[in-house]
Amino acid sequence: MLNNIEHLLEKYENGETSLKEEAQLKNYFSQETVAPHLEMYKPMFQYFIVNKKEQFTKDISLLEVNATKKKFNFKWLSIAAVAVLMLSIFVFNPTQSQEDLITEADRADYENAKAALALVSQHLNKATAQVSYLKVINTAGTQVDYLKEINDPMGRIFNNN
């Protein structure tokens, strides 16, 4: 029997017991005499037995539930928001100049970025110059549109667009 209880305890700790097996464990640990090495499990299973018998008997009416609800007061929220805003204005002084905030490392990063963008711009302008002939093709395409009107002389006369 003791081996069976030890096996059930192992299954119980792994979460693999059924309700019937848990009932066997509760019955065993509700006895007065328990094996000495299993004595530590006795208070836990006795708690489960006692806790199962507890019941809540107080009636709660809907009026009591509504009376216990506290309404959120937006007035205090707005006062707190104004206080945080005023504090942030005083802590973070906006009158401080931008030159004071820029460090030498920031200036170096700015100059590096400026040089890189100038280089990209230079290469982009070269590439744009190489494809400038496409504008000529575009104007030629609009001139070809007049040829469509020649193919449809009756449409031109009656102005059927």
C-alpha atoms as a PDB file:
ATOM      1  CA  MET A   1       0.000   0.000   0.000  1.00  0.00           C
ATOM      2  CA  LEU A   2       2.855   2.383   0.864  1.00  0.00           C
ATOM      3  CA  ASN A   3       4.463   1.815  -2.535  1.00  0.00           C
ATOM      4  CA  ASN A   4       1.139   2.607  -4.171  1.00  0.00           C
ATOM      5  CA  ILE A   5       0.880   5.904  -2.218  1.00  0.00           C
ATOM      6  CA  GLU A   6       4.452   6.843  -3.117  1.00  0.00           C
ATOM      7  CA  HIS A   7       3.712   6.095  -6.763  1.00  0.00           C
ATOM      8  CA  LEU A   8       0.517   8.196  -6.601  1.00  0.00           C
ATOM      9  CA  LEU A   9       2.445  11.057  -4.969  1.00  0.00           C
ATOM     10  CA  GLU A  10       4.956  10.979  -7.794  1.00  0.00           C
ATOM     11  CA  LYS A  11       2.135  11.068 -10.347  1.00  0.00           C
ATOM     12  CA  TYR A  12       0.441  13.858  -8.342  1.00  0.00           C
ATOM     13  CA  GLU A  13       3.583  16.008  -8.402  1.00  0.00           C
ATOM     14  CA  ASN A  14       3.810  15.521 -12.172  1.00  0.00           C
ATOM     15  CA  GLY A  15       0.129  16.420 -12.591  1.00  0.00           C
ATOM     16  CA  GLU A  16      -0.803  13.008 -13.983  1.00  0.00           C
ATOM     17  CA  THR A  17      -3.307  11.748 -11.387  1.00  0.00           C
ATOM     18  CA  SER A  18      -7.007  11.218 -11.929  1.00  0.00           C
ATOM     19  CA  LEU A  19      -9.673  12.380  -9.496  1.00  0.00           C
ATOM     20  CA  LYS A  20     -10.029   8.850  -8.160  1.00  0.00           C
ATOM     21  CA  GLU A  21      -6.294   8.646  -7.427  1.00  0.00           C
ATOM     22  CA  GLU A  22      -6.345  12.055  -5.738  1.00  0.00           C
ATOM     23  CA  ALA A  23      -9.237  10.838  -3.580  1.00  0.00           C
ATOM     24  CA  GLN A  24      -7.081   7.867  -2.531  1.00  0.00           C
ATOM     25  CA  LEU A  25      -4.292  10.259  -1.523  1.00  0.00           C
ATOM     26  CA  LYS A  26      -6.724  12.420   0.462  1.00  0.00           C
ATOM     27  CA  ASN A  27      -8.060   9.364   2.246  1.00  0.00           C
ATOM     28  CA  TYR A  28      -4.574   8.182   3.127  1.00  0.00           C
ATOM     29  CA  PHE A  29      -3.429  11.552   4.459  1.00  0.00           C
ATOM     30  CA  SER A  30      -6.637  12.078   6.437  1.00  0.00           C
ATOM     31  CA  GLN A  31      -5.681   9.096   8.655  1.00  0.00           C
ATOM     32  CA  GLU A  32      -3.897   9.740  11.915  1.00  0.00           C
ATOM     33  CA  THR A  33      -0.942   7.486  11.154  1.00  0.00           C
ATOM     34  CA  VAL A  34       1.078   8.298   8.069  1.00  0.00           C
ATOM     35  CA  ALA A  35       4.511   7.011   7.110  1.00  0.00           C
ATOM     36  CA  PRO A  36       7.183   9.264   8.683  1.00  0.00           C
ATOM     37  CA  HIS A  37       8.844  10.161   5.383  1.00  0.00           C
ATOM     38  CA  LEU A  38       5.441  11.242   3.952  1.00  0.00           C
ATOM     39  CA  GLU A  39       4.487  13.338   6.986  1.00  0.00           C
ATOM     40  CA  MET A  40       5.251  16.577   5.104  1.00  0.00           C
ATOM     41  CA  TYR A  41       2.370  15.970   2.646  1.00  0.00           C
ATOM     42  CA  LYS A  42      -0.243  15.561   5.396  1.00  0.00           C
ATOM     43  CA  PRO A  43      -0.929  19.304   6.043  1.00  0.00           C
ATOM     44  CA  MET A  44      -1.356  19.948   2.320  1.00  0.00           C
ATOM     45  CA  PHE A  45      -3.972  17.244   1.817  1.00  0.00           C
ATOM     46  CA  GLN A  46      -5.736  18.140   5.068  1.00  0.00           C
ATOM     47  CA  TYR A  47      -5.974  21.717   3.810  1.00  0.00           C
ATOM     48  CA  PHE A  48      -7.612  20.467   0.610  1.00  0.00           C
ATOM     49  CA  ILE A  49     -10.165  18.489   2.626  1.00  0.00           C
ATOM     50  CA  VAL A  50     -11.030  21.432   4.897  1.00  0.00           C
ATOM     51  CA  ASN A  51     -11.051  23.912   2.028  1.00  0.00           C
ATOM     52  CA  LYS A  52     -13.512  21.777   0.074  1.00  0.00           C
ATOM     53  CA  LYS A  53     -16.018  22.000   2.947  1.00  0.00           C
ATOM     54  CA  GLU A  54     -15.897  25.819   3.100  1.00  0.00           C
ATOM     55  CA  GLN A  55     -18.796  27.710   1.595  1.00  0.00           C
ATOM     56  CA  PHE A  56     -19.551  31.386   1.146  1.00  0.00           C
ATOM     57  CA  THR A  57     -22.884  32.072   2.807  1.00  0.00           C
ATOM     58  CA  LYS A  58     -23.205  35.867   2.741  1.00  0.00           C
ATOM     59  CA  ASP A  59     -25.871  37.273   0.409  1.00  0.00           C
ATOM     60  CA  ILE A  60     -24.712  40.005  -1.863  1.00  0.00           C
ATOM     61  CA  SER A  61     -27.420  42.220  -3.217  1.00  0.00           C
ATOM     62  CA  LEU A  62     -27.014  44.293  -6.329  1.00  0.00           C
ATOM     63  CA  LEU A  63     -27.316  47.462  -4.269  1.00  0.00           C
ATOM     64  CA  GLU A  64     -24.285  46.514  -2.180  1.00  0.00           C
ATOM     65  CA  VAL A  65     -22.265  45.770  -5.300  1.00  0.00           C
ATOM     66  CA  ASN A  66     -23.134  49.159  -6.811  1.00  0.00           C
ATOM     67  CA  ALA A  67     -22.431  50.929  -3.521  1.00  0.00           C
ATOM     68  CA  THR A  68     -18.962  49.439  -3.294  1.00  0.00           C
ATOM     69  CA  LYS A  69     -17.981  50.574  -6.796  1.00  0.00           C
ATOM     70  CA  LYS A  70     -15.999  53.776  -6.700  1.00  0.00           C
ATOM     71  CA  LYS A  71     -16.465  56.315  -9.426  1.00  0.00           C
ATOM     72  CA  PHE A  72     -13.354  57.593 -11.132  1.00  0.00           C
ATOM     73  CA  ASN A  73     -12.854  61.272 -10.489  1.00  0.00           C
ATOM     74  CA  PHE A  74     -11.573  62.991 -13.624  1.00  0.00           C
ATOM     75  CA  LYS A  75     -11.076  66.268 -11.760  1.00  0.00           C
ATOM     76  CA  TRP A  76      -8.073  64.842  -9.915  1.00  0.00           C
ATOM     77  CA  LEU A  77      -6.713  63.391 -13.128  1.00  0.00           C
ATOM     78  CA  SER A  78      -6.795  66.807 -14.816  1.00  0.00           C
ATOM     79  CA  ILE A  79      -5.118  68.435 -11.802  1.00  0.00           C
ATOM     80  CA  ALA A  80      -2.358  65.815 -11.914  1.00  0.00           C
ATOM     81  CA  ALA A  81      -1.884  66.357 -15.662  1.00  0.00           C
ATOM     82  CA  VAL A  82      -1.499  70.113 -15.172  1.00  0.00           C
ATOM     83  CA  ALA A  83       0.991  69.531 -12.354  1.00  0.00           C
ATOM     84  CA  VAL A  84       3.094  67.222 -14.543  1.00  0.00           C
ATOM     85  CA  LEU A  85       2.989  69.738 -17.387  1.00  0.00           C
ATOM     86  CA  MET A  86       4.112  72.608 -15.135  1.00  0.00           C
ATOM     87  CA  LEU A  87       6.876  70.490 -13.636  1.00  0.00           C
ATOM     88  CA  SER A  88       8.141  69.489 -17.081  1.00  0.00           C
ATOM     89  CA  ILE A  89       8.275  73.149 -18.147  1.00  0.00           C
ATOM     90  CA  PHE A  90      10.431  74.057 -15.179  1.00  0.00           C
ATOM     91  CA  VAL A  91      12.670  70.981 -15.363  1.00  0.00           C
ATOM     92  CA  PHE A  92      13.251  71.054 -19.113  1.00  0.00           C
ATOM     93  CA  ASN A  93      14.035  74.722 -19.684  1.00  0.00           C
ATOM     94  CA  PRO A  94      13.174  75.566 -23.306  1.00  0.00           C
ATOM     95  CA  THR A  95      15.264  78.765 -23.221  1.00  0.00           C
ATOM     96  CA  GLN A  96      18.465  76.738 -23.478  1.00  0.00           C
ATOM     97  CA  SER A  97      20.138  77.392 -26.857  1.00  0.00           C
ATOM     98  CA  GLN A  98      20.554  74.672 -29.424  1.00  0.00           C
ATOM     99  CA  GLU A  99      24.301  75.371 -29.702  1.00  0.00           C
ATOM    100  CA  ASP A 100      24.768  74.296 -26.067  1.00  0.00           C
ATOM    101  CA  LEU A 101      23.106  70.946 -26.746  1.00  0.00           C
ATOM    102  CA  ILE A 102      25.250  69.987 -29.765  1.00  0.00           C
ATOM    103  CA  THR A 103      28.451  68.162 -28.891  1.00  0.00           C
ATOM    104  CA  GLU A 104      31.585  67.787 -30.980  1.00  0.00           C
ATOM    105  CA  ALA A 105      30.669  64.196 -31.803  1.00  0.00           C
ATOM    106  CA  ASP A 106      27.290  65.389 -33.089  1.00  0.00           C
ATOM    107  CA  ARG A 107      29.024  68.012 -35.244  1.00  0.00           C
ATOM    108  CA  ALA A 108      31.365  65.373 -36.705  1.00  0.00           C
ATOM    109  CA  ASP A 109      28.419  63.062 -37.440  1.00  0.00           C
ATOM    110  CA  TYR A 110      26.613  65.952 -39.126  1.00  0.00           C
ATOM    111  CA  GLU A 111      29.609  66.768 -41.335  1.00  0.00           C
ATOM    112  CA  ASN A 112      30.033  63.085 -42.291  1.00  0.00           C
ATOM    113  CA  ALA A 113      26.351  62.793 -43.205  1.00  0.00           C
ATOM    114  CA  LYS A 114      26.534  66.050 -45.180  1.00  0.00           C
ATOM    115  CA  ALA A 115      29.557  64.785 -47.177  1.00  0.00           C
ATOM    116  CA  ALA A 116      27.875  61.430 -47.863  1.00  0.00           C
ATOM    117  CA  LEU A 117      24.690  63.105 -49.098  1.00  0.00           C
ATOM    118  CA  ALA A 118      26.723  65.447 -51.345  1.00  0.00           C
ATOM    119  CA  LEU A 119      28.439  62.418 -52.889  1.00  0.00           C
ATOM    120  CA  VAL A 120      25.097  60.681 -53.479  1.00  0.00           C
ATOM    121  CA  SER A 121      23.714  63.873 -55.032  1.00  0.00           C
ATOM    122  CA  GLN A 122      26.712  64.159 -57.364  1.00  0.00           C
ATOM    123  CA  HIS A 123      26.273  60.588 -58.627  1.00  0.00           C
ATOM    124  CA  LEU A 124      22.523  61.056 -58.981  1.00  0.00           C
ATOM    125  CA  ASN A 125      23.048  64.163 -61.116  1.00  0.00           C
ATOM    126  CA  LYS A 126      25.433  62.221 -63.397  1.00  0.00           C
ATOM    127  CA  ALA A 127      22.881  59.457 -63.833  1.00  0.00           C
ATOM    128  CA  THR A 128      20.123  61.982 -64.541  1.00  0.00           C
ATOM    129  CA  ALA A 129      22.223  63.605 -67.255  1.00  0.00           C
ATOM    130  CA  GLN A 130      22.736  60.230 -68.942  1.00  0.00           C
ATOM    131  CA  VAL A 131      18.985  59.599 -69.290  1.00  0.00           C
ATOM    132  CA  SER A 132      18.014  63.137 -70.309  1.00  0.00           C
ATOM    133  CA  TYR A 133      17.316  61.919 -73.860  1.00  0.00           C
ATOM    134  CA  LEU A 134      14.101  60.357 -72.535  1.00  0.00           C
ATOM    135  CA  LYS A 135      12.520  63.848 -72.514  1.00  0.00           C
ATOM    136  CA  VAL A 136      12.948  63.991 -76.280  1.00  0.00           C
ATOM    137  CA  ILE A 137      11.145  60.665 -76.623  1.00  0.00           C
ATOM    138  CA  ASN A 138       8.311  61.999 -74.497  1.00  0.00           C
ATOM    139  CA  THR A 139       7.856  65.105 -76.666  1.00  0.00           C
ATOM    140  CA  ALA A 140       7.995  62.935 -79.791  1.00  0.00           C
ATOM    141  CA  GLY A 141       5.228  60.795 -78.340  1.00  0.00           C
ATOM    142  CA  THR A 142       2.943  63.812 -77.951  1.00  0.00           C
ATOM    143  CA  GLN A 143       3.645  64.823 -81.553  1.00  0.00           C
ATOM    144  CA  VAL A 144       2.636  61.365 -82.732  1.00  0.00           C
ATOM    145  CA  ASP A 145      -0.751  61.854 -81.088  1.00  0.00           C
ATOM    146  CA  TYR A 146      -1.602  64.323 -83.877  1.00  0.00           C
ATOM    147  CA  LEU A 147      -1.280  61.491 -86.391  1.00  0.00           C
ATOM    148  CA  LYS A 148      -4.260  59.789 -84.799  1.00  0.00           C
ATOM    149  CA  GLU A 149      -6.402  62.741 -85.806  1.00  0.00           C
ATOM    150  CA  ILE A 150      -5.301  62.366 -89.422  1.00  0.00           C
ATOM    151  CA  ASN A 151      -6.516  58.759 -89.401  1.00  0.00           C
ATOM    152  CA  ASP A 152      -9.975  59.899 -88.296  1.00  0.00           C
ATOM    153  CA  PRO A 153     -10.966  62.901 -90.482  1.00  0.00           C
ATOM    154  CA  MET A 154     -14.704  62.420 -89.896  1.00  0.00           C
ATOM    155  CA  GLY A 155     -14.107  62.594 -86.159  1.00  0.00           C
ATOM    156  CA  ARG A 156     -12.321  65.905 -86.593  1.00  0.00           C
ATOM    157  CA  ILE A 157     -15.164  67.315 -88.688  1.00  0.00           C
ATOM    158  CA  PHE A 158     -17.929  66.272 -86.309  1.00  0.00           C
ATOM    159  CA  ASN A 159     -15.721  66.771 -83.245  1.00  0.00           C
ATOM    160  CA  ASN A 160     -16.478  63.341 -81.795  1.00  0.00           C
ATOM    161  CA  ASN A 161     -13.929  62.998 -79.066  1.00  0.00           C
END
